[in-house]
Amino acid sequence: MISESNAWQSLDQKTPLLWRWYLGIFGFLSVLGWFAFDFVNLFKPGGLWFGVGPLALLTLILVGGWLLPPVYYRRWRYRLSDAALWINRGVVVQVDSLVPFLRIQHMDVSQNMIERELDLARLLVYTAGVRDNVIVLPGLKRAEADRLLEVLRARVQDETL
């Protein structure tokens, strides 16, 4: 639940499952493509290694898809201060994003099919600027994303008046 305090908030607990779905779909398409490439080149010299690369990739995706999403989930946090939205994320490279309310141009709540099934959404915050002008806060409950959108909208209007 979003509080009006300056406490750090976590993403929804279903977020690692969402990221596993994304990695699974990407992995399936990658392995399928590599198998197709191997099949086309099966009767060319060196074609005896059919399927070794795709199976190695599949193993890497399965292991990484199981281990990495919970690690990334633990490193995503956000909070509202009096004048900005703070987002802290990253495992290897840690990124602290500060989005001042005065810089916010537009906000959206977005869902794809998988997010809809899990009742999750993304908050997209468009800012004035060239670099990193779209800040994405993934893995929010849909109701929480809508509520955060309204809180931000009210704070942005207060800052511009």
N, C-alpha and C. Protein backbone atom coordinates (compact mmCIF):
# COMPACT_ATOMS: atom_id res chain seq x y z
N MET A 1 0.83 -1.18 0.00
CA MET A 1 0.00 0.00 0.00
C MET A 1 0.88 1.24 0.00
N ILE A 2 0.50 2.24 -0.74
CA ILE A 2 1.26 3.47 -0.81
C ILE A 2 0.93 4.33 0.39
N SER A 3 1.96 4.76 1.05
CA SER A 3 1.74 5.65 2.18
C SER A 3 2.22 7.03 1.78
N GLU A 4 1.75 8.01 2.51
CA GLU A 4 2.14 9.38 2.23
C GLU A 4 3.46 9.72 2.93
N SER A 5 4.03 8.77 3.67
CA SER A 5 5.29 9.03 4.35
C SER A 5 6.44 8.87 3.38
N ASN A 6 7.63 9.11 3.89
CA ASN A 6 8.82 8.98 3.06
C ASN A 6 9.42 7.58 3.13
N ALA A 7 8.65 6.58 3.55
CA ALA A 7 9.17 5.22 3.67
C ALA A 7 9.35 4.58 2.30
N TRP A 8 10.38 3.76 2.18
CA TRP A 8 10.62 3.04 0.93
C TRP A 8 9.55 1.97 0.76
N GLN A 9 9.07 1.82 -0.45
CA GLN A 9 8.05 0.83 -0.79
C GLN A 9 8.67 -0.21 -1.72
N SER A 10 8.20 -1.44 -1.62
CA SER A 10 8.66 -2.52 -2.50
C SER A 10 7.65 -2.74 -3.62
N LEU A 11 8.10 -3.43 -4.66
CA LEU A 11 7.20 -3.83 -5.73
C LEU A 11 6.33 -4.97 -5.22
N ASP A 12 5.31 -5.32 -5.98
CA ASP A 12 4.42 -6.41 -5.61
C ASP A 12 5.17 -7.74 -5.62
N GLN A 13 4.74 -8.66 -4.78
CA GLN A 13 5.42 -9.95 -4.65
C GLN A 13 5.32 -10.82 -5.90
N LYS A 14 4.39 -10.51 -6.79
CA LYS A 14 4.26 -11.28 -8.04
C LYS A 14 5.25 -10.84 -9.11
N THR A 15 6.01 -9.79 -8.86
CA THR A 15 6.92 -9.25 -9.86
C THR A 15 7.97 -10.26 -10.32
N PRO A 16 8.61 -11.05 -9.43
CA PRO A 16 9.55 -12.06 -9.95
C PRO A 16 8.90 -13.06 -10.89
N LEU A 17 7.65 -13.43 -10.61
CA LEU A 17 6.92 -14.33 -11.52
C LEU A 17 6.74 -13.67 -12.89
N LEU A 18 6.39 -12.40 -12.90
CA LEU A 18 6.24 -11.65 -14.14
C LEU A 18 7.55 -11.65 -14.93
N TRP A 19 8.66 -11.38 -14.26
CA TRP A 19 9.95 -11.35 -14.94
C TRP A 19 10.35 -12.74 -15.43
N ARG A 20 9.96 -13.78 -14.70
CA ARG A 20 10.22 -15.15 -15.17
C ARG A 20 9.43 -15.44 -16.44
N TRP A 21 8.21 -14.95 -16.52
CA TRP A 21 7.41 -15.11 -17.75
C TRP A 21 8.11 -14.41 -18.92
N TYR A 22 8.56 -13.18 -18.71
CA TYR A 22 9.25 -12.44 -19.77
C TYR A 22 10.49 -13.21 -20.24
N LEU A 23 11.29 -13.67 -19.30
CA LEU A 23 12.51 -14.39 -19.65
C LEU A 23 12.17 -15.71 -20.33
N GLY A 24 11.11 -16.37 -19.89
CA GLY A 24 10.70 -17.63 -20.51
C GLY A 24 10.27 -17.44 -21.96
N ILE A 25 9.50 -16.40 -22.22
CA ILE A 25 9.06 -16.13 -23.60
C ILE A 25 10.25 -15.77 -24.48
N PHE A 26 11.13 -14.88 -23.99
CA PHE A 26 12.32 -14.51 -24.74
C PHE A 26 13.20 -15.73 -24.98
N GLY A 27 13.39 -16.55 -23.94
CA GLY A 27 14.22 -17.74 -24.06
C GLY A 27 13.65 -18.74 -25.03
N PHE A 28 12.35 -18.98 -24.97
CA PHE A 28 11.71 -19.92 -25.89
C PHE A 28 11.92 -19.49 -27.33
N LEU A 29 11.69 -18.20 -27.61
CA LEU A 29 11.87 -17.72 -28.99
C LEU A 29 13.32 -17.78 -29.43
N SER A 30 14.25 -17.48 -28.52
CA SER A 30 15.67 -17.55 -28.86
C SER A 30 16.11 -18.98 -29.16
N VAL A 31 15.71 -19.91 -28.30
CA VAL A 31 16.09 -21.31 -28.50
C VAL A 31 15.44 -21.85 -29.78
N LEU A 32 14.19 -21.51 -30.02
CA LEU A 32 13.50 -21.94 -31.23
C LEU A 32 14.22 -21.42 -32.48
N GLY A 33 14.62 -20.16 -32.44
CA GLY A 33 15.35 -19.58 -33.57
C GLY A 33 16.69 -20.25 -33.79
N TRP A 34 17.39 -20.56 -32.71
CA TRP A 34 18.69 -21.22 -32.84
C TRP A 34 18.53 -22.64 -33.37
N PHE A 35 17.50 -23.35 -32.91
CA PHE A 35 17.23 -24.69 -33.46
C PHE A 35 16.92 -24.61 -34.95
N ALA A 36 16.17 -23.61 -35.37
CA ALA A 36 15.86 -23.45 -36.80
C ALA A 36 17.14 -23.19 -37.59
N PHE A 37 18.01 -22.35 -37.05
CA PHE A 37 19.29 -22.07 -37.70
C PHE A 37 20.11 -23.35 -37.81
N ASP A 38 20.18 -24.13 -36.71
CA ASP A 38 20.93 -25.39 -36.74
C ASP A 38 20.33 -26.37 -37.75
N PHE A 39 19.01 -26.42 -37.83
CA PHE A 39 18.36 -27.33 -38.76
C PHE A 39 18.68 -26.97 -40.21
N VAL A 40 18.67 -25.68 -40.52
CA VAL A 40 18.99 -25.23 -41.88
C VAL A 40 20.43 -25.59 -42.23
N ASN A 41 21.32 -25.53 -41.25
CA ASN A 41 22.75 -25.80 -41.49
C ASN A 41 23.16 -27.22 -41.11
N LEU A 42 22.20 -28.12 -40.93
CA LEU A 42 22.49 -29.48 -40.47
C LEU A 42 23.39 -30.25 -41.42
N PHE A 43 23.20 -30.10 -42.72
CA PHE A 43 23.94 -30.91 -43.68
C PHE A 43 25.16 -30.18 -44.25
N LYS A 44 25.50 -29.06 -43.65
CA LYS A 44 26.72 -28.35 -44.03
C LYS A 44 27.87 -28.87 -43.15
N PRO A 45 29.11 -28.61 -43.55
CA PRO A 45 30.24 -29.06 -42.70
C PRO A 45 30.09 -28.50 -41.27
N GLY A 46 30.32 -29.35 -40.30
CA GLY A 46 30.18 -28.95 -38.90
C GLY A 46 28.77 -29.10 -38.38
N GLY A 47 27.88 -29.67 -39.17
CA GLY A 47 26.48 -29.81 -38.80
C GLY A 47 26.21 -30.88 -37.77
N LEU A 48 27.23 -31.60 -37.36
CA LEU A 48 27.05 -32.65 -36.37
C LEU A 48 26.77 -32.11 -34.98
N TRP A 49 26.97 -30.84 -34.76
CA TRP A 49 26.76 -30.22 -33.45
C TRP A 49 25.33 -29.72 -33.29
N PHE A 50 24.42 -30.31 -34.04
CA PHE A 50 23.01 -29.88 -34.02
C PHE A 50 22.45 -29.90 -32.60
N GLY A 51 21.92 -28.77 -32.16
CA GLY A 51 21.22 -28.69 -30.89
C GLY A 51 22.06 -28.42 -29.67
N VAL A 52 23.39 -28.46 -29.78
CA VAL A 52 24.24 -28.26 -28.60
C VAL A 52 24.12 -26.82 -28.10
N GLY A 53 24.23 -25.86 -29.01
CA GLY A 53 24.12 -24.44 -28.62
C GLY A 53 22.76 -24.10 -28.03
N PRO A 54 21.66 -24.47 -28.70
CA PRO A 54 20.35 -24.16 -28.14
C PRO A 54 20.11 -24.80 -26.77
N LEU A 55 20.59 -26.03 -26.57
CA LEU A 55 20.41 -26.68 -25.28
C LEU A 55 21.23 -25.99 -24.19
N ALA A 56 22.42 -25.53 -24.53
CA ALA A 56 23.23 -24.77 -23.57
C ALA A 56 22.53 -23.45 -23.22
N LEU A 57 21.99 -22.78 -24.24
CA LEU A 57 21.25 -21.54 -24.00
C LEU A 57 20.01 -21.80 -23.14
N LEU A 58 19.30 -22.87 -23.43
CA LEU A 58 18.12 -23.22 -22.65
C LEU A 58 18.48 -23.46 -21.18
N THR A 59 19.58 -24.16 -20.94
CA THR A 59 20.03 -24.40 -19.57
C THR A 59 20.36 -23.08 -18.88
N LEU A 60 21.07 -22.21 -19.57
CA LEU A 60 21.41 -20.90 -19.00
C LEU A 60 20.16 -20.09 -18.69
N ILE A 61 19.18 -20.10 -19.57
CA ILE A 61 17.95 -19.35 -19.36
C ILE A 61 17.15 -19.93 -18.19
N LEU A 62 17.09 -21.26 -18.09
CA LEU A 62 16.35 -21.88 -16.99
C LEU A 62 16.99 -21.56 -15.64
N VAL A 63 18.30 -21.67 -15.55
CA VAL A 63 18.99 -21.39 -14.29
C VAL A 63 18.90 -19.89 -13.96
N GLY A 64 19.21 -19.06 -14.94
CA GLY A 64 19.13 -17.60 -14.72
C GLY A 64 17.72 -17.13 -14.46
N GLY A 65 16.76 -17.73 -15.15
CA GLY A 65 15.36 -17.34 -14.97
C GLY A 65 14.81 -17.72 -13.61
N TRP A 66 15.40 -18.71 -13.00
CA TRP A 66 14.96 -19.11 -11.67
C TRP A 66 15.67 -18.29 -10.58
N LEU A 67 16.95 -17.99 -10.78
CA LEU A 67 17.75 -17.35 -9.74
C LEU A 67 17.71 -15.83 -9.76
N LEU A 68 17.70 -15.21 -10.94
CA LEU A 68 17.87 -13.76 -11.02
C LEU A 68 16.64 -12.91 -10.65
N PRO A 69 15.42 -13.26 -11.07
CA PRO A 69 14.29 -12.37 -10.74
C PRO A 69 14.11 -12.05 -9.26
N PRO A 70 14.26 -13.01 -8.33
CA PRO A 70 14.14 -12.63 -6.92
C PRO A 70 15.24 -11.67 -6.46
N VAL A 71 16.43 -11.80 -7.03
CA VAL A 71 17.53 -10.90 -6.67
C VAL A 71 17.21 -9.49 -7.14
N TYR A 72 16.75 -9.35 -8.39
CA TYR A 72 16.39 -8.03 -8.90
C TYR A 72 15.20 -7.45 -8.13
N TYR A 73 14.26 -8.28 -7.77
CA TYR A 73 13.08 -7.82 -7.03
C TYR A 73 13.47 -7.18 -5.70
N ARG A 74 14.41 -7.79 -5.01
CA ARG A 74 14.85 -7.25 -3.71
C ARG A 74 15.56 -5.91 -3.85
N ARG A 75 16.06 -5.60 -5.04
CA ARG A 75 16.81 -4.35 -5.24
C ARG A 75 15.95 -3.21 -5.80
N TRP A 76 14.67 -3.44 -6.06
CA TRP A 76 13.78 -2.39 -6.55
C TRP A 76 13.02 -1.78 -5.38
N ARG A 77 13.13 -0.46 -5.21
CA ARG A 77 12.37 0.26 -4.18
C ARG A 77 11.98 1.62 -4.74
N TYR A 78 10.95 2.20 -4.15
CA TYR A 78 10.55 3.55 -4.53
C TYR A 78 9.93 4.24 -3.33
N ARG A 79 9.93 5.57 -3.38
CA ARG A 79 9.27 6.34 -2.32
C ARG A 79 8.92 7.72 -2.84
N LEU A 80 7.96 8.32 -2.19
CA LEU A 80 7.58 9.70 -2.48
C LEU A 80 8.10 10.59 -1.37
N SER A 81 8.82 11.63 -1.74
CA SER A 81 9.21 12.64 -0.76
C SER A 81 8.30 13.84 -0.97
N ASP A 82 8.60 14.92 -0.32
CA ASP A 82 7.76 16.11 -0.45
C ASP A 82 7.83 16.74 -1.84
N ALA A 83 8.94 16.53 -2.54
CA ALA A 83 9.10 17.20 -3.82
C ALA A 83 9.49 16.28 -4.97
N ALA A 84 9.58 14.96 -4.72
CA ALA A 84 10.09 14.09 -5.79
C ALA A 84 9.68 12.64 -5.58
N LEU A 85 9.79 11.89 -6.67
CA LEU A 85 9.65 10.44 -6.66
C LEU A 85 11.06 9.87 -6.74
N TRP A 86 11.40 9.00 -5.80
CA TRP A 86 12.70 8.35 -5.77
C TRP A 86 12.54 6.90 -6.18
N ILE A 87 13.44 6.42 -7.04
CA ILE A 87 13.45 5.01 -7.43
C ILE A 87 14.88 4.50 -7.27
N ASN A 88 15.03 3.40 -6.57
CA ASN A 88 16.33 2.79 -6.33
C ASN A 88 16.27 1.38 -6.90
N ARG A 89 17.22 1.04 -7.78
CA ARG A 89 17.20 -0.28 -8.42
C ARG A 89 18.61 -0.67 -8.83
N GLY A 90 18.78 -1.96 -9.12
CA GLY A 90 20.03 -2.44 -9.66
C GLY A 90 20.75 -3.40 -8.75
N VAL A 91 21.41 -4.39 -9.35
CA VAL A 91 22.20 -5.36 -8.61
C VAL A 91 23.68 -5.07 -8.84
N VAL A 92 24.12 -5.21 -10.07
CA VAL A 92 25.52 -4.95 -10.39
C VAL A 92 25.77 -3.44 -10.45
N VAL A 93 24.94 -2.75 -11.18
CA VAL A 93 25.00 -1.29 -11.25
C VAL A 93 23.77 -0.76 -10.53
N GLN A 94 23.97 -0.07 -9.45
CA GLN A 94 22.85 0.48 -8.70
C GLN A 94 22.53 1.88 -9.21
N VAL A 95 21.24 2.11 -9.46
CA VAL A 95 20.79 3.38 -10.02
C VAL A 95 19.79 4.00 -9.05
N ASP A 96 20.04 5.23 -8.67
CA ASP A 96 19.11 6.01 -7.87
C ASP A 96 18.54 7.10 -8.77
N SER A 97 17.24 7.03 -9.03
CA SER A 97 16.59 8.04 -9.87
C SER A 97 15.77 8.96 -8.99
N LEU A 98 15.93 10.22 -9.21
CA LEU A 98 15.17 11.24 -8.51
C LEU A 98 14.36 12.00 -9.56
N VAL A 99 13.04 11.96 -9.43
CA VAL A 99 12.18 12.64 -10.40
C VAL A 99 11.46 13.77 -9.68
N PRO A 100 11.96 15.00 -9.80
CA PRO A 100 11.28 16.14 -9.16
C PRO A 100 9.90 16.35 -9.79
N PHE A 101 8.93 16.66 -8.98
CA PHE A 101 7.57 16.86 -9.48
C PHE A 101 7.50 17.96 -10.53
N LEU A 102 8.37 18.97 -10.41
CA LEU A 102 8.38 20.07 -11.38
C LEU A 102 8.81 19.60 -12.77
N ARG A 103 9.55 18.49 -12.87
CA ARG A 103 10.03 17.99 -14.16
C ARG A 103 9.06 17.02 -14.84
N ILE A 104 8.03 16.59 -14.13
CA ILE A 104 7.10 15.62 -14.70
C ILE A 104 6.21 16.29 -15.73
N GLN A 105 6.18 15.71 -16.93
CA GLN A 105 5.37 16.22 -18.03
C GLN A 105 4.05 15.46 -18.17
N HIS A 106 4.13 14.13 -18.00
CA HIS A 106 2.99 13.28 -18.29
C HIS A 106 3.18 11.96 -17.55
N MET A 107 2.09 11.27 -17.22
CA MET A 107 2.16 9.98 -16.53
C MET A 107 1.13 9.03 -17.13
N ASP A 108 1.49 7.75 -17.17
CA ASP A 108 0.59 6.71 -17.67
C ASP A 108 0.69 5.49 -16.77
N VAL A 109 -0.40 4.71 -16.74
CA VAL A 109 -0.37 3.38 -16.16
C VAL A 109 -0.60 2.42 -17.32
N SER A 110 0.29 1.43 -17.44
CA SER A 110 0.25 0.53 -18.59
C SER A 110 0.24 -0.92 -18.12
N GLN A 111 -0.43 -1.78 -18.91
CA GLN A 111 -0.47 -3.21 -18.64
C GLN A 111 -0.40 -3.96 -19.96
N ASN A 112 0.36 -5.06 -19.98
CA ASN A 112 0.30 -5.97 -21.12
C ASN A 112 -0.54 -7.17 -20.70
N MET A 113 -0.65 -8.18 -21.56
CA MET A 113 -1.52 -9.33 -21.27
C MET A 113 -1.07 -10.09 -20.02
N ILE A 114 0.21 -10.30 -19.86
CA ILE A 114 0.71 -11.05 -18.70
C ILE A 114 0.48 -10.25 -17.42
N GLU A 115 0.75 -8.96 -17.47
CA GLU A 115 0.52 -8.11 -16.30
C GLU A 115 -0.96 -8.08 -15.92
N ARG A 116 -1.84 -8.04 -16.92
CA ARG A 116 -3.28 -8.06 -16.63
C ARG A 116 -3.67 -9.34 -15.91
N GLU A 117 -3.12 -10.46 -16.36
CA GLU A 117 -3.44 -11.75 -15.74
C GLU A 117 -2.97 -11.80 -14.28
N LEU A 118 -1.85 -11.15 -13.98
CA LEU A 118 -1.30 -11.14 -12.63
C LEU A 118 -1.78 -9.94 -11.81
N ASP A 119 -2.66 -9.10 -12.40
CA ASP A 119 -3.15 -7.87 -11.76
C ASP A 119 -2.01 -6.93 -11.39
N LEU A 120 -1.05 -6.81 -12.30
CA LEU A 120 0.08 -5.91 -12.13
C LEU A 120 0.03 -4.82 -13.20
N ALA A 121 0.77 -3.75 -12.97
CA ALA A 121 0.83 -2.66 -13.93
C ALA A 121 2.18 -1.95 -13.81
N ARG A 122 2.46 -1.11 -14.79
CA ARG A 122 3.65 -0.27 -14.81
C ARG A 122 3.23 1.18 -14.75
N LEU A 123 3.93 1.96 -13.97
CA LEU A 123 3.73 3.40 -13.97
C LEU A 123 4.84 4.01 -14.81
N LEU A 124 4.44 4.77 -15.83
CA LEU A 124 5.40 5.44 -16.70
C LEU A 124 5.33 6.93 -16.40
N VAL A 125 6.47 7.51 -16.08
CA VAL A 125 6.56 8.93 -15.76
C VAL A 125 7.45 9.58 -16.81
N TYR A 126 6.88 10.48 -17.60
CA TYR A 126 7.62 11.19 -18.65
C TYR A 126 8.08 12.52 -18.07
N THR A 127 9.38 12.78 -18.22
CA THR A 127 9.95 13.99 -17.64
C THR A 127 10.49 14.91 -18.73
N ALA A 128 10.71 16.15 -18.34
CA ALA A 128 11.36 17.09 -19.23
C ALA A 128 12.84 16.75 -19.26
N GLY A 129 13.38 16.64 -20.43
CA GLY A 129 14.79 16.29 -20.55
C GLY A 129 14.99 15.34 -21.71
N VAL A 130 16.25 15.11 -22.04
CA VAL A 130 16.57 14.27 -23.17
C VAL A 130 16.97 12.86 -22.70
N ARG A 131 17.84 12.78 -21.72
CA ARG A 131 18.33 11.49 -21.24
C ARG A 131 17.40 10.96 -20.16
N ASP A 132 17.04 9.68 -20.26
CA ASP A 132 16.16 9.05 -19.27
C ASP A 132 14.87 9.85 -19.07
N ASN A 133 14.24 10.21 -20.17
CA ASN A 133 13.03 11.03 -20.05
C ASN A 133 11.77 10.20 -19.76
N VAL A 134 11.90 8.86 -19.72
CA VAL A 134 10.78 8.01 -19.32
C VAL A 134 11.27 7.14 -18.17
N ILE A 135 10.66 7.31 -17.02
CA ILE A 135 10.98 6.51 -15.84
C ILE A 135 9.88 5.47 -15.70
N VAL A 136 10.27 4.21 -15.60
CA VAL A 136 9.29 3.12 -15.51
C VAL A 136 9.38 2.50 -14.12
N LEU A 137 8.24 2.40 -13.47
CA LEU A 137 8.13 1.73 -12.18
C LEU A 137 7.28 0.48 -12.40
N PRO A 138 7.93 -0.70 -12.57
CA PRO A 138 7.19 -1.92 -12.91
C PRO A 138 6.68 -2.63 -11.66
N GLY A 139 5.86 -3.65 -11.89
CA GLY A 139 5.49 -4.57 -10.82
C GLY A 139 4.64 -4.00 -9.71
N LEU A 140 3.75 -3.07 -10.05
CA LEU A 140 2.82 -2.52 -9.06
C LEU A 140 1.46 -3.20 -9.21
N LYS A 141 0.76 -3.42 -8.12
CA LYS A 141 -0.64 -3.84 -8.22
C LYS A 141 -1.37 -2.78 -9.01
N ARG A 142 -2.36 -3.17 -9.82
CA ARG A 142 -3.06 -2.20 -10.66
C ARG A 142 -3.69 -1.10 -9.82
N ALA A 143 -4.35 -1.45 -8.72
CA ALA A 143 -4.98 -0.44 -7.87
C ALA A 143 -3.93 0.49 -7.26
N GLU A 144 -2.78 -0.06 -6.89
CA GLU A 144 -1.71 0.75 -6.32
C GLU A 144 -1.12 1.70 -7.37
N ALA A 145 -0.97 1.21 -8.60
CA ALA A 145 -0.46 2.05 -9.68
C ALA A 145 -1.42 3.21 -9.96
N ASP A 146 -2.72 2.92 -9.97
CA ASP A 146 -3.71 3.98 -10.18
C ASP A 146 -3.68 5.00 -9.05
N ARG A 147 -3.55 4.50 -7.82
CA ARG A 147 -3.50 5.40 -6.67
C ARG A 147 -2.24 6.26 -6.70
N LEU A 148 -1.11 5.66 -7.02
CA LEU A 148 0.14 6.40 -7.13
C LEU A 148 0.05 7.44 -8.23
N LEU A 149 -0.60 7.10 -9.34
CA LEU A 149 -0.81 8.06 -10.43
C LEU A 149 -1.59 9.27 -9.94
N GLU A 150 -2.65 9.03 -9.17
CA GLU A 150 -3.47 10.14 -8.66
C GLU A 150 -2.70 10.99 -7.64
N VAL A 151 -1.92 10.34 -6.78
CA VAL A 151 -1.11 11.08 -5.81
C VAL A 151 -0.09 11.95 -6.54
N LEU A 152 0.59 11.37 -7.52
CA LEU A 152 1.56 12.15 -8.30
C LEU A 152 0.89 13.28 -9.06
N ARG A 153 -0.25 13.00 -9.65
CA ARG A 153 -0.97 14.03 -10.40
C ARG A 153 -1.33 15.20 -9.49
N ALA A 154 -1.80 14.92 -8.29
CA ALA A 154 -2.15 15.99 -7.35
C ALA A 154 -0.90 16.77 -6.92
N ARG A 155 0.20 16.06 -6.68
CA ARG A 155 1.42 16.76 -6.26
C ARG A 155 2.02 17.59 -7.39
N VAL A 156 1.93 17.08 -8.61
CA VAL A 156 2.45 17.85 -9.76
C VAL A 156 1.60 19.10 -9.94
N GLN A 157 0.28 19.00 -9.81
CA GLN A 157 -0.58 20.17 -9.93
C GLN A 157 -0.30 21.18 -8.83
N ASP A 158 -0.04 20.70 -7.60
CA ASP A 158 0.29 21.61 -6.51
C ASP A 158 1.61 22.34 -6.77
N GLU A 159 2.58 21.64 -7.36
CA GLU A 159 3.87 22.26 -7.63
C GLU A 159 3.80 23.30 -8.74
N THR A 160 2.90 23.10 -9.70
CA THR A 160 2.82 24.03 -10.83
C THR A 160 1.94 25.23 -10.56
N LEU A 161 1.14 25.18 -9.50
CA LEU A 161 0.28 26.33 -9.19
C LEU A 161 0.99 27.41 -8.46
